[in-house]
Amino acid sequence: MTADYDLLIIGGGINGTGIARDAVGRGASVMLVEMGDLAGATSSASTKLIHGGLRYLEYYEFGLVRKALKEREVLLRALPHIAWPLRFILPHHKDLRPAWLLRLGLFLYDHLGGRELLPATKTVRLDSGVFSRGLKPLFKKGFEYSDCWVDDARLVVLNALDASDRGAKVLTRTKCIAARRDGDLWKVVLQDLASGEEKTVSARVLVNAAGPWVADMLQGIAGAKSKAKVRLVKGSHIIVPSRFDHDRCFIFQNGDGRIVFAIPYEGKFTLIGTTDIDYQGDLGTVRITDDEIDYLCKAASEYLATPVTPEEVVHTYSGVRPLYDDGAKDAKAATRDYVLEMEGGETEPPVLSVFGGKITTYRKLAEEALKKLEAYLPFKRGVWTAYAPLPGGNFKVDGFDEEVARLEKDFAFLDTAFATRLIRLYGTDARLFLMEAASLEDLGRCFGSNLHEAEVKWLIDREWARTADDVLWRRTKLGLVLSAEEAGELESFISGYLAERPGAAA
């Protein structure tokens, strides 16, 4: 029988979109379905770091750390618009891990992954100079090391966009109702959640990348025999007004063995997170608890000169990670490495399920998933994504400032802050929706903070945005600065535009 698609992927998070991009780039026909928005759950709720996972060294996860550290620089080169280097300050707390142990761990961190672009660790004084601003004076010594920032939700969207541009069919607000084997094919029932319409498509191979819903999805796949267990672990973050006036990030040790990051965020804020607690609630209503807010406030306040209080929190977000249940006693000790489980493939069409994973290693996960599936897919080339930039990222890894300056020069009505925001989100693709504009007025109505009609239409037509939340909290982070009234006006505009353009980014 002839299949509609070679590969059908369930789940529009980082793992699903990464696999879709890689597979279609090798010549397979691909469909990806996501029941909500791209990056609508776990993949937009990370600490937004490309990192090796310094604390995983304590659990002897050297292989995972090495793999992640090697990927840091691969990703920096591929997405210089949405990712950039950061320097982290780890204060020495005399009552917790000894200084020699921290230095040993950071020595390993510097050398496990073949670091090339990023500077090495060094010891710093915290009682004078720039690093003393923000910390309590009782911290005298610390270590400064390198990791990287990434806009997690944009990383997902750009993978989906590149997959779509290469020929993949990407459907959001589309739920997989059921899947069953029919001879050598999968028959998959899909429902458009906006219209309620159902349709059935066929595929040679099925990938279950449903994130926290991976186990639920297996129950809807007829004949699935997986006995894998999923450990759902919730991580929450808080955003507060900026706590320090330099560009360094802090990593704080806590008495319970966990660490908490305090990271400069969107210019005016500090991002603090994360928690790690087992989760058994409704996956559709994941929210931070008062206890988690208190925990993060107290953890940060132990180090910061100005205490953090719950009343100051301007925004929170939470996500549930679908970790492979390796039997660890504590949530913080459960493995963050991914597990790929495949069923079928000899006498029946295969299904591959994805458990766990990290933003940092999504590209390697995709390569390993497709290696397991290559016998069943008509690939025309081998691995390729390590050297291919994501949309808008086709400039030098150290060329961000140059791109901003070029955009300002070519579009004289942009100030530096506006041009910087556009390059940070879209890279060189920002020019595609600025096009022939000669003034701000040519970009159409402004909804606040230089968010204009031209950009919103781009996000709808090209990036599958369908609501104000899609625009304000995933495609941009302007939800932090737009008023409720401005957000409401944006929602009305989007609804009207979609009514006029029902086929946009279908």
Protein backbone atom coordinates (compact mmCIF):
# COMPACT_ATOMS: atom_id res chain seq x y z
CA MET A 1 0.00 0.00 0.00
CA THR A 2 1.08 3.56 -0.65
CA ALA A 3 1.43 5.79 2.41
CA ASP A 4 0.38 9.42 2.60
CA TYR A 5 3.58 10.09 4.54
CA ASP A 6 6.75 8.20 5.31
CA LEU A 7 6.84 9.54 8.87
CA LEU A 8 4.10 10.92 11.11
CA ILE A 9 5.21 12.65 14.31
CA ILE A 10 2.92 13.30 17.25
CA GLY A 11 4.06 16.27 19.32
CA GLY A 12 5.20 19.77 18.42
CA GLY A 13 7.78 20.29 21.13
CA ILE A 14 11.53 20.42 20.64
CA ASN A 15 11.93 16.67 20.11
CA GLY A 16 9.11 16.35 17.59
CA THR A 17 10.10 19.39 15.55
CA GLY A 18 13.77 18.43 15.67
CA ILE A 19 13.01 14.96 14.30
CA ALA A 20 10.71 16.43 11.64
CA ARG A 21 13.35 18.85 10.43
CA ASP A 22 16.08 16.22 10.29
CA ALA A 23 13.90 13.61 8.56
CA VAL A 24 12.48 15.87 5.84
CA GLY A 25 15.98 17.17 5.18
CA ARG A 26 17.04 13.60 4.42
CA GLY A 27 14.27 13.16 1.86
CA ALA A 28 11.43 11.58 3.84
CA SER A 29 7.87 12.87 3.53
CA VAL A 30 6.83 14.07 6.98
CA MET A 31 3.71 15.16 8.83
CA LEU A 32 3.86 16.62 12.33
CA VAL A 33 0.74 17.14 14.44
CA GLU A 34 0.47 19.13 17.67
CA MET A 35 -2.73 19.36 19.69
CA GLY A 36 -1.95 22.88 20.94
CA ASP A 37 0.59 25.49 19.92
CA LEU A 38 4.17 24.68 19.03
CA ALA A 39 6.22 24.64 22.26
CA GLY A 40 2.93 25.05 24.08
CA ALA A 41 3.93 22.94 27.09
CA THR A 42 7.30 21.69 28.38
CA SER A 43 9.45 23.07 25.58
CA SER A 44 8.66 26.69 26.46
CA ALA A 45 8.99 26.14 30.22
CA SER A 46 12.72 25.44 30.52
CA THR A 47 15.37 27.60 32.18
CA LYS A 48 16.26 28.56 28.59
CA LEU A 49 19.83 27.35 28.72
CA ILE A 50 22.06 25.40 26.37
CA HIS A 51 24.19 23.77 29.02
CA GLY A 52 25.99 20.60 29.96
CA GLY A 53 24.22 20.27 33.28
CA LEU A 54 26.92 20.98 35.85
CA ARG A 55 24.98 19.36 38.68
CA TYR A 56 24.60 16.09 36.73
CA LEU A 57 28.29 15.41 37.40
CA GLU A 58 27.31 14.66 41.00
CA TYR A 59 25.18 11.80 39.71
CA TYR A 60 28.04 10.50 37.52
CA GLU A 61 26.14 11.26 34.31
CA PHE A 62 29.41 11.95 32.49
CA GLY A 63 28.13 10.70 29.14
CA LEU A 64 25.11 13.02 29.23
CA VAL A 65 27.24 16.00 30.27
CA ARG A 66 29.82 15.35 27.57
CA LYS A 67 27.13 15.01 24.88
CA ALA A 68 25.46 18.24 26.02
CA LEU A 69 28.72 20.19 26.22
CA LYS A 70 29.66 19.19 22.68
CA GLU A 71 26.25 20.34 21.47
CA ARG A 72 26.59 23.79 23.06
CA GLU A 73 28.95 25.00 20.38
CA VAL A 74 27.19 23.22 17.54
CA LEU A 75 23.99 25.06 18.45
CA LEU A 76 25.72 28.41 18.99
CA ARG A 77 26.92 28.29 15.40
CA ALA A 78 23.53 27.26 14.05
CA LEU A 79 21.39 29.83 15.84
CA PRO A 80 23.42 32.95 16.69
CA HIS A 81 20.25 35.06 16.74
CA ILE A 82 18.40 33.17 19.48
CA ALA A 83 21.38 31.78 21.42
CA TRP A 84 24.43 33.44 22.93
CA PRO A 85 27.17 32.80 25.52
CA LEU A 86 26.63 33.58 29.18
CA ARG A 87 29.02 33.71 32.12
CA PHE A 88 27.77 32.19 35.37
CA ILE A 89 28.96 33.08 38.86
CA LEU A 90 28.92 30.22 41.38
CA PRO A 91 29.43 31.70 44.86
CA HIS A 92 31.27 29.51 47.33
CA HIS A 93 28.98 28.78 50.29
CA LYS A 94 31.23 27.62 53.13
CA ASP A 95 28.51 25.40 54.64
CA LEU A 96 27.81 23.46 51.43
CA ARG A 97 30.08 21.93 48.78
CA PRO A 98 33.78 22.59 49.48
CA ALA A 99 35.70 24.89 47.13
CA TRP A 100 38.02 22.10 45.93
CA LEU A 101 35.03 19.99 44.87
CA LEU A 102 33.49 22.89 42.94
CA ARG A 103 36.80 23.59 41.21
CA LEU A 104 37.20 19.92 40.27
CA GLY A 105 33.69 19.78 38.87
CA LEU A 106 34.28 22.92 36.82
CA PHE A 107 37.61 21.56 35.56
CA LEU A 108 35.75 18.53 34.23
CA TYR A 109 33.04 20.80 32.84
CA ASP A 110 35.67 22.79 30.93
CA HIS A 111 37.31 19.74 29.38
CA LEU A 112 34.66 17.04 28.84
CA GLY A 113 33.13 18.61 25.73
CA GLY A 114 36.02 19.95 23.67
CA ARG A 115 35.30 23.64 24.38
CA GLU A 116 36.36 25.97 21.52
CA LEU A 117 34.19 29.11 21.45
CA LEU A 118 33.60 29.65 25.15
CA PRO A 119 36.08 30.98 27.74
CA ALA A 120 37.30 28.76 30.58
CA THR A 121 36.45 28.83 34.27
CA LYS A 122 38.22 31.27 36.57
CA THR A 123 38.15 32.16 40.25
CA VAL A 124 36.63 35.56 41.06
CA ARG A 125 36.33 37.85 44.06
CA LEU A 126 32.75 38.62 45.07
CA ASP A 127 33.40 41.25 47.72
CA SER A 128 34.50 44.02 45.32
CA GLY A 129 33.90 45.17 41.79
CA VAL A 130 30.98 44.37 39.53
CA PHE A 131 30.08 40.98 41.07
CA SER A 132 29.60 42.49 44.50
CA ARG A 133 26.55 44.34 43.17
CA GLY A 134 23.55 42.17 43.88
CA LEU A 135 25.07 39.68 46.33
CA LYS A 136 25.20 39.73 50.10
CA PRO A 137 28.63 40.82 51.34
CA LEU A 138 29.22 37.54 53.20
CA PHE A 139 30.16 35.81 49.91
CA LYS A 140 33.84 36.51 49.22
CA LYS A 141 34.89 33.93 46.63
CA GLY A 142 33.29 32.34 43.60
CA PHE A 143 33.89 30.69 40.27
CA GLU A 144 32.96 32.06 36.86
CA TYR A 145 32.21 29.56 34.08
CA SER A 146 30.54 29.47 30.67
CA ASP A 147 27.19 28.20 29.42
CA CYS A 148 24.71 29.57 26.89
CA TRP A 149 21.26 31.09 26.65
CA VAL A 150 18.59 30.03 24.17
CA ASP A 151 15.05 31.19 23.47
CA ASP A 152 13.48 27.75 23.89
CA ALA A 153 10.10 28.44 22.27
CA ARG A 154 11.69 30.13 19.26
CA LEU A 155 14.05 27.19 18.90
CA VAL A 156 11.00 24.93 18.51
CA VAL A 157 9.24 27.25 16.07
CA LEU A 158 12.35 27.68 13.91
CA ASN A 159 12.81 23.90 13.69
CA ALA A 160 9.18 23.59 12.60
CA LEU A 161 9.59 26.45 10.12
CA ASP A 162 12.68 24.90 8.56
CA ALA A 163 10.92 21.53 8.37
CA SER A 164 7.92 23.16 6.69
CA ASP A 165 10.10 25.05 4.23
CA ARG A 166 11.73 21.74 3.28
CA GLY A 167 8.35 20.13 2.61
CA ALA A 168 7.00 18.82 5.91
CA LYS A 169 3.31 19.26 6.73
CA VAL A 170 2.96 20.88 10.15
CA LEU A 171 -0.51 20.96 11.75
CA THR A 172 -1.14 22.71 15.05
CA ARG A 173 -4.37 22.53 17.07
CA THR A 174 -4.67 19.01 15.66
CA LYS A 175 -5.06 16.02 17.95
CA CYS A 176 -4.20 12.40 17.28
CA ILE A 177 -7.36 10.53 18.28
CA ALA A 178 -6.19 7.01 17.52
CA ALA A 179 -3.59 5.03 15.61
CA ARG A 180 -3.71 1.44 14.44
CA ARG A 181 -1.66 -0.82 12.24
CA ASP A 182 -3.14 -1.76 8.87
CA GLY A 183 -0.85 -4.13 7.03
CA ASP A 184 2.49 -2.42 6.65
CA LEU A 185 1.12 1.05 7.39
CA TRP A 186 -0.18 3.11 10.28
CA LYS A 187 -3.69 4.51 9.99
CA VAL A 188 -3.91 7.61 12.17
CA VAL A 189 -7.11 9.48 13.00
CA LEU A 190 -6.61 13.23 13.41
CA GLN A 191 -9.03 15.86 14.65
CA ASP A 192 -8.90 19.55 13.87
CA LEU A 193 -9.67 21.02 17.28
CA ALA A 194 -10.93 24.28 15.80
CA SER A 195 -13.50 22.78 13.45
CA GLY A 196 -13.98 19.35 15.05
CA GLU A 197 -13.43 17.68 11.67
CA GLU A 198 -11.69 14.32 11.59
CA LYS A 199 -9.59 12.71 8.91
CA THR A 200 -7.47 9.59 8.59
CA VAL A 201 -3.96 9.57 7.15
CA SER A 202 -1.49 6.76 6.63
CA ALA A 203 2.22 6.59 7.41
CA ARG A 204 5.03 4.05 7.26
CA VAL A 205 6.48 5.04 10.61
CA LEU A 206 5.01 6.66 13.74
CA VAL A 207 6.96 8.74 16.26
CA ASN A 208 5.41 9.43 19.65
CA ALA A 209 7.06 12.66 20.84
CA ALA A 210 4.09 13.79 22.91
CA GLY A 211 6.19 14.94 25.86
CA PRO A 212 4.31 14.59 29.16
CA TRP A 213 1.52 12.84 27.24
CA VAL A 214 3.86 10.16 25.83
CA ALA A 215 2.38 7.41 28.04
CA ASP A 216 -1.20 8.56 27.36
CA MET A 217 -0.46 8.50 23.64
CA LEU A 218 0.79 4.93 23.85
CA GLN A 219 -2.60 3.95 25.28
CA GLY A 220 -4.24 5.34 22.14
CA ILE A 221 -1.97 3.36 19.83
CA ALA A 222 -3.60 0.04 19.14
CA GLY A 223 -1.29 -2.85 19.79
CA ALA A 224 1.39 -0.85 21.62
CA LYS A 225 3.19 -3.09 24.12
CA SER A 226 5.47 -0.61 25.91
CA LYS A 227 6.13 -1.23 29.57
CA ALA A 228 8.23 1.91 29.99
CA LYS A 229 7.34 4.10 32.93
CA VAL A 230 7.29 7.86 32.83
CA ARG A 231 8.24 10.01 35.79
CA LEU A 232 6.56 13.39 35.53
CA VAL A 233 8.63 16.10 37.20
CA LYS A 234 7.43 19.69 37.42
CA GLY A 235 9.82 22.59 37.15
CA SER A 236 8.65 26.14 37.90
CA HIS A 237 10.20 29.57 37.47
CA ILE A 238 9.46 33.07 38.71
CA ILE A 239 10.25 36.41 37.06
CA VAL A 240 10.90 39.46 39.24
CA PRO A 241 12.18 43.00 38.65
CA SER A 242 15.93 43.01 37.96
CA ARG A 243 18.09 42.22 40.99
CA PHE A 244 21.49 43.27 39.64
CA ASP A 245 22.86 45.60 36.97
CA HIS A 246 25.46 43.44 35.22
CA ASP A 247 25.20 40.74 32.58
CA ARG A 248 26.45 37.81 34.66
CA CYS A 249 24.15 35.04 35.84
CA PHE A 250 24.24 33.42 39.26
CA ILE A 251 23.96 29.77 40.17
CA PHE A 252 23.06 29.28 43.84
CA GLN A 253 23.58 26.13 45.90
CA ASN A 254 20.87 25.19 48.37
CA GLY A 255 20.99 23.11 51.51
CA ASP A 256 18.68 20.49 49.96
CA GLY A 257 21.27 19.68 47.29
CA ARG A 258 19.48 21.54 44.51
CA ILE A 259 20.68 24.59 42.65
CA VAL A 260 18.74 27.67 41.56
CA PHE A 261 19.65 30.04 38.73
CA ALA A 262 19.19 33.83 38.77
CA ILE A 263 19.51 35.10 35.19
CA PRO A 264 19.11 38.55 33.60
CA TYR A 265 15.90 38.37 31.57
CA GLU A 266 14.44 40.58 28.85
CA GLY A 267 16.37 43.65 29.97
CA LYS A 268 14.32 44.64 33.02
CA PHE A 269 13.84 41.38 34.89
CA THR A 270 15.55 38.48 36.65
CA LEU A 271 14.50 34.89 35.95
CA ILE A 272 14.76 32.57 38.97
CA GLY A 273 14.35 28.80 38.80
CA THR A 274 13.84 25.95 38.85
CA THR A 275 12.02 23.61 41.20
CA ASP A 276 12.00 19.82 40.83
CA ILE A 277 8.95 18.03 42.22
CA ASP A 278 7.10 14.91 41.19
CA TYR A 279 3.80 15.68 39.51
CA GLN A 280 0.54 13.71 39.37
CA GLY A 281 -1.93 16.45 38.42
CA ASP A 282 -3.77 17.46 35.29
CA LEU A 283 -1.26 17.99 32.48
CA GLY A 284 -3.51 20.61 30.96
CA THR A 285 -3.43 22.90 33.99
CA VAL A 286 0.17 22.91 35.20
CA ARG A 287 0.72 25.86 37.53
CA ILE A 288 3.27 26.97 40.07
CA THR A 289 2.21 26.50 43.70
CA ASP A 290 2.59 28.97 46.55
CA ASP A 291 5.11 26.59 48.12
CA GLU A 292 7.25 26.66 44.98
CA ILE A 293 7.14 30.47 44.88
CA ASP A 294 8.21 30.59 48.52
CA TYR A 295 10.99 28.07 47.86
CA LEU A 296 12.45 30.08 44.98
CA CYS A 297 12.15 33.37 46.84
CA LYS A 298 13.93 31.97 49.90
CA ALA A 299 16.62 30.22 47.86
CA ALA A 300 17.49 33.40 45.98
CA SER A 301 17.18 35.61 49.06
CA GLU A 302 19.85 33.61 50.86
CA TYR A 303 22.36 35.03 48.37
CA LEU A 304 20.92 38.26 46.96
CA ALA A 305 21.43 41.56 48.77
CA THR A 306 17.82 42.58 48.14
CA PRO A 307 15.45 39.79 49.25
CA VAL A 308 12.91 38.41 46.79
CA THR A 309 9.31 38.33 48.01
CA PRO A 310 6.26 36.63 46.50
CA GLU A 311 4.57 40.01 46.12
CA GLU A 312 7.23 41.09 43.62
CA VAL A 313 6.71 38.21 41.21
CA VAL A 314 5.50 39.62 37.88
CA HIS A 315 5.15 36.32 36.02
CA THR A 316 5.56 32.59 36.54
CA TYR A 317 5.69 29.55 34.31
CA SER A 318 5.75 25.83 34.92
CA GLY A 319 6.37 22.75 32.81
CA VAL A 320 6.31 19.00 33.32
CA ARG A 321 9.24 16.96 32.10
CA PRO A 322 8.48 13.38 30.98
CA LEU A 323 11.56 11.71 32.43
CA TYR A 324 12.25 8.04 31.96
CA ASP A 325 11.59 6.41 35.33
CA ASP A 326 14.96 4.98 36.33
CA GLY A 327 13.91 4.37 39.92
CA ALA A 328 15.71 7.36 41.45
CA LYS A 329 14.41 8.21 44.90
CA ASP A 330 14.33 11.99 44.43
CA ALA A 331 13.04 13.95 41.45
CA LYS A 332 16.26 15.97 41.30
CA ALA A 333 18.28 12.76 40.85
CA ALA A 334 16.18 11.23 38.05
CA THR A 335 18.11 10.95 34.79
CA ARG A 336 17.67 13.80 32.29
CA ASP A 337 19.05 11.70 29.44
CA TYR A 338 16.63 10.53 26.81
CA VAL A 339 15.43 7.02 26.11
CA LEU A 340 14.15 5.97 22.68
CA GLU A 341 11.91 2.92 22.66
CA MET A 342 10.91 1.25 19.39
CA GLU A 343 8.26 -1.39 18.81
CA GLY A 344 7.56 -3.32 15.63
CA GLY A 345 9.64 -2.97 12.51
CA GLU A 346 10.05 -6.56 11.39
CA THR A 347 6.59 -7.79 10.51
CA GLU A 348 4.65 -4.66 11.37
CA PRO A 349 5.15 -0.90 10.99
CA PRO A 350 7.31 0.60 13.74
CA VAL A 351 6.48 3.18 16.40
CA LEU A 352 9.23 5.01 18.25
CA SER A 353 8.46 6.71 21.58
CA VAL A 354 10.62 9.45 23.09
CA PHE A 355 11.13 9.66 26.85
CA GLY A 356 13.01 12.46 28.58
CA GLY A 357 15.56 14.64 26.87
CA LYS A 358 16.95 18.15 27.19
CA ILE A 359 16.72 21.24 25.02
CA THR A 360 20.50 21.09 24.62
CA THR A 361 20.61 17.60 23.14
CA TYR A 362 17.48 17.70 20.99
CA ARG A 363 19.48 17.59 17.74
CA LYS A 364 21.43 14.50 18.82
CA LEU A 365 18.18 12.90 19.96
CA ALA A 366 16.76 13.44 16.47
CA GLU A 367 19.82 11.88 14.86
CA GLU A 368 19.64 8.83 17.12
CA ALA A 369 15.90 8.45 16.58
CA LEU A 370 16.35 8.47 12.80
CA LYS A 371 19.24 6.04 13.04
CA LYS A 372 16.81 3.59 14.64
CA LEU A 373 14.28 4.24 11.87
CA GLU A 374 16.51 4.57 8.80
CA ALA A 375 15.75 1.04 7.58
CA TYR A 376 12.08 2.01 7.19
CA LEU A 377 12.46 5.47 5.65
CA PRO A 378 13.60 6.47 2.12
CA PHE A 379 16.53 8.66 3.13
CA LYS A 380 18.59 10.23 0.34
CA ARG A 381 21.33 11.67 2.58
CA GLY A 382 22.90 11.13 5.97
CA VAL A 383 23.25 13.36 9.01
CA TRP A 384 23.25 17.04 8.08
CA THR A 385 21.86 19.32 10.79
CA ALA A 386 25.15 19.99 12.63
CA TYR A 387 26.25 22.45 9.97
CA ALA A 388 22.94 23.92 8.83
CA PRO A 389 21.71 27.16 10.44
CA LEU A 390 18.11 27.53 11.47
CA PRO A 391 16.01 30.18 9.65
CA GLY A 392 17.49 33.63 10.23
CA GLY A 393 20.72 32.25 11.66
CA ASN A 394 22.85 32.55 8.54
CA PHE A 395 25.45 34.91 9.98
CA LYS A 396 28.67 34.56 11.95
CA VAL A 397 28.50 33.28 15.51
CA ASP A 398 30.01 36.58 16.69
CA GLY A 399 28.16 38.71 14.15
CA PHE A 400 25.05 39.70 16.10
CA ASP A 401 25.98 43.34 16.67
CA GLU A 402 26.94 43.67 13.02
CA GLU A 403 23.53 42.36 11.95
CA VAL A 404 21.78 44.86 14.23
CA ALA A 405 23.84 47.71 12.78
CA ARG A 406 23.08 46.61 9.22
CA LEU A 407 19.35 46.44 9.95
CA GLU A 408 19.41 49.94 11.47
CA LYS A 409 21.28 51.25 8.44
CA ASP A 410 18.93 49.67 5.90
CA PHE A 411 15.76 50.63 7.81
CA ALA A 412 16.54 54.04 9.26
CA PHE A 413 13.25 54.29 11.16
CA LEU A 414 14.34 51.50 13.54
CA ASP A 415 16.08 52.52 16.74
CA THR A 416 18.73 50.26 18.27
CA ALA A 417 16.36 48.64 20.78
CA PHE A 418 13.81 47.77 18.08
CA ALA A 419 16.45 46.47 15.67
CA THR A 420 18.03 44.40 18.44
CA ARG A 421 14.69 42.81 19.33
CA LEU A 422 14.01 41.90 15.71
CA ILE A 423 17.43 40.32 15.15
CA ARG A 424 17.13 38.44 18.46
CA LEU A 425 13.84 36.89 17.35
CA TYR A 426 14.15 36.54 13.59
CA GLY A 427 17.78 37.10 12.63
CA THR A 428 18.16 37.87 8.95
CA ASP A 429 14.52 36.88 8.34
CA ALA A 430 13.41 40.14 9.97
CA ARG A 431 14.05 41.76 6.59
CA LEU A 432 11.37 39.59 5.01
CA PHE A 433 8.51 41.28 6.82
CA LEU A 434 10.09 44.71 6.93
CA MET A 435 10.37 44.46 3.13
CA GLU A 436 9.87 47.84 1.50
CA ALA A 437 8.79 49.72 4.63
CA ALA A 438 10.14 53.25 4.74
CA SER A 439 8.61 54.28 8.05
CA LEU A 440 7.03 52.86 11.21
CA GLU A 441 3.64 53.73 9.74
CA ASP A 442 4.32 51.32 6.88
CA LEU A 443 4.44 48.48 9.44
CA GLY A 444 0.80 49.11 10.35
CA ARG A 445 -0.86 49.49 13.70
CA CYS A 446 1.32 49.31 16.81
CA PHE A 447 -0.03 47.24 19.72
CA GLY A 448 2.64 48.47 22.13
CA SER A 449 6.41 48.02 22.60
CA ASN A 450 7.01 48.27 18.84
CA LEU A 451 4.88 45.22 18.05
CA HIS A 452 3.31 46.14 14.71
CA GLU A 453 0.80 44.54 12.35
CA ALA A 454 3.51 43.47 9.91
CA GLU A 455 5.24 41.37 12.56
CA VAL A 456 2.00 39.89 13.87
CA LYS A 457 0.89 38.91 10.36
CA TRP A 458 4.28 37.25 9.82
CA LEU A 459 3.81 35.25 13.01
CA ILE A 460 0.37 34.12 11.86
CA ASP A 461 1.22 33.42 8.23
CA ARG A 462 4.64 31.84 8.78
CA GLU A 463 4.86 30.69 12.39
CA TRP A 464 1.43 29.22 13.20
CA ALA A 465 0.49 31.85 15.82
CA ARG A 466 -3.27 31.79 16.48
CA THR A 467 -3.76 33.70 19.73
CA ALA A 468 -2.31 36.64 21.62
CA ASP A 469 -0.64 34.18 24.02
CA ASP A 470 1.11 32.51 21.08
CA VAL A 471 2.53 35.87 20.08
CA LEU A 472 3.21 37.42 23.48
CA TRP A 473 4.57 34.46 25.46
CA ARG A 474 6.09 32.07 22.93
CA ARG A 475 7.00 33.89 19.69
CA THR A 476 8.04 36.99 21.67
CA LYS A 477 8.18 37.75 25.40
CA LEU A 478 6.25 40.99 25.08
CA GLY A 479 3.59 39.70 27.46
CA LEU A 480 5.88 41.02 30.19
CA VAL A 481 5.46 44.62 29.04
CA LEU A 482 2.15 44.92 27.20
CA SER A 483 -0.86 45.92 29.27
CA ALA A 484 -3.98 43.77 29.55
CA GLU A 485 -5.78 46.26 27.33
CA GLU A 486 -3.08 46.08 24.66
CA ALA A 487 -3.11 42.27 24.80
CA GLY A 488 -6.89 42.32 24.36
CA GLU A 489 -6.60 44.56 21.31
CA LEU A 490 -4.02 42.20 19.87
CA GLU A 491 -6.34 39.23 20.43
CA SER A 492 -9.15 41.02 18.60
CA PHE A 493 -6.86 41.86 15.70
CA ILE A 494 -5.66 38.26 15.40
CA SER A 495 -9.24 36.94 15.41
CA GLY A 496 -10.24 39.37 12.69
CA TYR A 497 -7.19 38.63 10.57
CA LEU A 498 -7.74 34.88 10.83
CA ALA A 499 -11.36 35.32 9.80
CA GLU A 500 -10.17 37.10 6.66
CA ARG A 501 -7.28 34.66 6.08
CA PRO A 502 -8.54 31.25 7.25
CA GLY A 503 -5.82 29.36 5.42
CA ALA A 504 -2.87 31.20 6.95
CA ALA A 505 -0.07 28.76 7.96
CA ALA A 506 -2.51 25.86 7.75
